[in-house]
């Protein structure tokens, strides 16, 4: 690379801010913030109770049907997938509440997309769960 090209590339970089850099947080603080966020996401939104109810139902059904390790991994992965989608949705809803009225009007589609993501995750998890449980149920029924 020629010297003028590298000088041009450097001129495209943002100038350093005059604000002092914040000190790095310790891992303990990072985990504390993550658990606080998890608690806020769970407590602040009523849809989590619905997701937890169905998660408990899935776990109970898996115990009754005697799912193997792979099936457990699949089912728990689906539960985690739905809960993570709901946490992202909760984060977007929390940000939305802090917006002024004019910005809220433009941000409505983001809420709809986030809700759609939760719906898609839930439908996907339900289909996967149905496949696992139906095959397990049929194998026990026909045995």
Protein backbone atom coordinates (compact mmCIF):
# COMPACT_ATOMS: atom_id res chain seq x y z
CA UNK A 1 0.00 0.00 0.00
CA UNK A 2 1.37 3.41 -0.93
CA UNK A 3 2.03 6.04 1.68
CA UNK A 4 -0.74 8.32 0.37
CA UNK A 5 -3.28 5.50 0.54
CA UNK A 6 -2.50 4.75 4.17
CA UNK A 7 -2.65 8.46 5.02
CA UNK A 8 -6.04 8.65 3.31
CA UNK A 9 -7.27 5.62 5.25
CA UNK A 10 -6.07 7.12 8.51
CA UNK A 11 -7.92 10.34 7.76
CA UNK A 12 -11.15 8.32 7.56
CA UNK A 13 -10.77 7.06 11.12
CA UNK A 14 -12.71 9.01 13.74
CA UNK A 15 -10.64 11.36 15.83
CA UNK A 16 -9.99 10.34 19.38
CA UNK A 17 -12.55 11.69 21.74
CA UNK A 18 -11.46 14.14 24.37
CA UNK A 19 -13.33 12.22 27.08
CA UNK A 20 -11.16 9.98 29.22
CA UNK A 21 -11.61 6.28 28.73
CA UNK A 22 -13.60 4.46 31.34
CA UNK A 23 -11.69 1.85 33.29
CA UNK A 24 -12.37 -1.73 32.29
CA UNK A 25 -14.94 -3.50 34.41
CA UNK A 26 -13.95 -6.59 36.32
CA UNK A 27 -15.52 -9.88 35.30
CA UNK A 28 -17.45 -9.94 38.56
CA UNK A 29 -19.07 -6.60 37.65
CA UNK A 30 -19.87 -7.82 34.15
CA UNK A 31 -21.61 -10.92 35.50
CA UNK A 32 -23.42 -8.86 38.14
CA UNK A 33 -24.74 -6.57 35.39
CA UNK A 34 -25.74 -9.58 33.28
CA UNK A 35 -27.69 -11.18 36.14
CA UNK A 36 -29.31 -7.83 36.94
CA UNK A 37 -30.39 -7.58 33.31
CA UNK A 38 -31.75 -11.11 33.41
CA UNK A 39 -33.74 -10.30 36.55
CA UNK A 40 -35.09 -7.08 35.02
CA UNK A 41 -36.06 -8.90 31.82
CA UNK A 42 -37.86 -11.66 33.65
CA UNK A 43 -39.64 -9.55 36.24
CA UNK A 44 -40.59 -6.71 33.95
CA UNK A 45 -42.57 -8.66 31.37
CA UNK A 46 -45.59 -10.86 31.94
CA UNK A 47 -44.96 -13.01 28.87
CA UNK A 48 -42.09 -14.67 30.71
CA UNK A 49 -44.57 -16.44 32.98
CA UNK A 50 -46.18 -17.99 29.90
CA UNK A 51 -42.79 -19.09 28.54
CA UNK A 52 -41.76 -20.50 31.93
CA UNK A 53 -45.04 -22.41 32.20
CA UNK A 54 -44.46 -24.07 28.83
CA UNK A 55 -40.80 -24.68 29.66
CA UNK A 56 -41.87 -26.50 32.85
CA UNK A 57 -44.43 -28.46 30.82
CA UNK A 58 -41.73 -29.49 28.33
CA UNK A 59 -39.36 -30.56 31.11
CA UNK A 60 -42.09 -32.59 32.84
CA UNK A 61 -43.09 -34.26 29.56
CA UNK A 62 -39.46 -35.08 28.79
CA UNK A 63 -39.09 -36.70 32.20
CA UNK A 64 -42.28 -38.74 31.81
CA UNK A 65 -41.39 -39.90 28.30
CA UNK A 66 -37.80 -40.71 29.31
CA UNK A 67 -36.00 -38.59 26.71
CA UNK A 68 -32.37 -39.42 26.02
CA UNK A 69 -29.43 -36.99 26.22
CA UNK A 70 -29.70 -35.78 22.64
CA UNK A 71 -33.42 -35.13 22.97
CA UNK A 72 -32.81 -33.25 26.23
CA UNK A 73 -30.19 -31.10 24.52
CA UNK A 74 -32.57 -30.33 21.68
CA UNK A 75 -35.46 -29.48 24.02
CA UNK A 76 -33.35 -27.35 26.36
CA UNK A 77 -31.84 -25.58 23.36
CA UNK A 78 -35.33 -24.73 22.15
CA UNK A 79 -36.31 -23.43 25.59
CA UNK A 80 -33.19 -21.28 25.69
CA UNK A 81 -33.83 -20.05 22.14
CA UNK A 82 -37.31 -18.81 23.07
CA UNK A 83 -36.20 -17.21 26.34
CA UNK A 84 -33.31 -15.41 24.66
CA UNK A 85 -35.65 -14.10 21.96
CA UNK A 86 -38.01 -12.87 24.70
CA UNK A 87 -35.11 -11.14 26.50
CA UNK A 88 -34.15 -9.30 23.32
CA UNK A 89 -37.77 -8.32 22.85
CA UNK A 90 -37.91 -7.07 26.44
CA UNK A 91 -34.75 -5.02 25.90
CA UNK A 92 -36.23 -3.37 22.82
CA UNK A 93 -39.49 -2.67 24.66
CA UNK A 94 -37.52 -1.11 27.53
CA UNK A 95 -35.66 1.16 25.13
CA UNK A 96 -38.93 2.05 23.44
CA UNK A 97 -40.47 3.26 26.71
CA UNK A 98 -37.65 5.80 27.07
CA UNK A 99 -38.25 7.44 23.69
CA UNK A 100 -40.03 10.71 23.07
CA UNK A 101 -43.37 10.60 21.26
CA UNK A 102 -42.01 11.58 17.81
CA UNK A 103 -39.36 8.87 17.92
CA UNK A 104 -41.87 6.30 19.18
CA UNK A 105 -43.94 6.75 16.03
CA UNK A 106 -40.94 5.83 13.89
CA UNK A 107 -39.84 2.98 16.18
CA UNK A 108 -43.09 0.96 16.21
CA UNK A 109 -41.90 -1.35 13.41
CA UNK A 110 -38.92 -2.39 15.56
CA UNK A 111 -41.29 -3.55 18.29
CA UNK A 112 -43.30 -5.52 15.76
CA UNK A 113 -40.17 -7.17 14.37
CA UNK A 114 -39.01 -8.10 17.88
CA UNK A 115 -42.43 -9.57 18.70
CA UNK A 116 -42.33 -11.45 15.40
CA UNK A 117 -38.94 -12.88 16.34
CA UNK A 118 -40.37 -14.21 19.61
CA UNK A 119 -43.32 -15.68 17.73
CA UNK A 120 -41.01 -17.35 15.19
CA UNK A 121 -38.80 -18.75 17.96
CA UNK A 122 -41.86 -20.07 19.80
CA UNK A 123 -43.33 -21.71 16.71
CA UNK A 124 -39.99 -23.27 15.80
CA UNK A 125 -39.55 -24.60 19.34
CA UNK A 126 -43.11 -25.97 19.35
CA UNK A 127 -42.58 -27.81 16.07
CA UNK A 128 -39.27 -29.27 17.23
CA UNK A 129 -40.83 -30.25 20.56
CA UNK A 130 -43.75 -31.88 18.78
CA UNK A 131 -41.39 -33.90 16.60
CA UNK A 132 -39.37 -35.07 19.60
CA UNK A 133 -42.40 -35.85 21.77
CA UNK A 134 -44.52 -37.45 19.07
CA UNK A 135 -41.73 -39.77 17.99
CA UNK A 136 -41.03 -40.64 21.62
CA UNK A 137 -44.73 -41.14 22.37
CA UNK A 138 -45.30 -43.30 19.28
CA UNK A 139 -42.27 -45.46 20.01
CA UNK A 140 -43.59 -46.09 23.56
CA UNK A 141 -47.11 -46.69 22.28
CA UNK A 142 -46.06 -49.19 19.61
CA UNK A 143 -43.51 -51.00 21.81
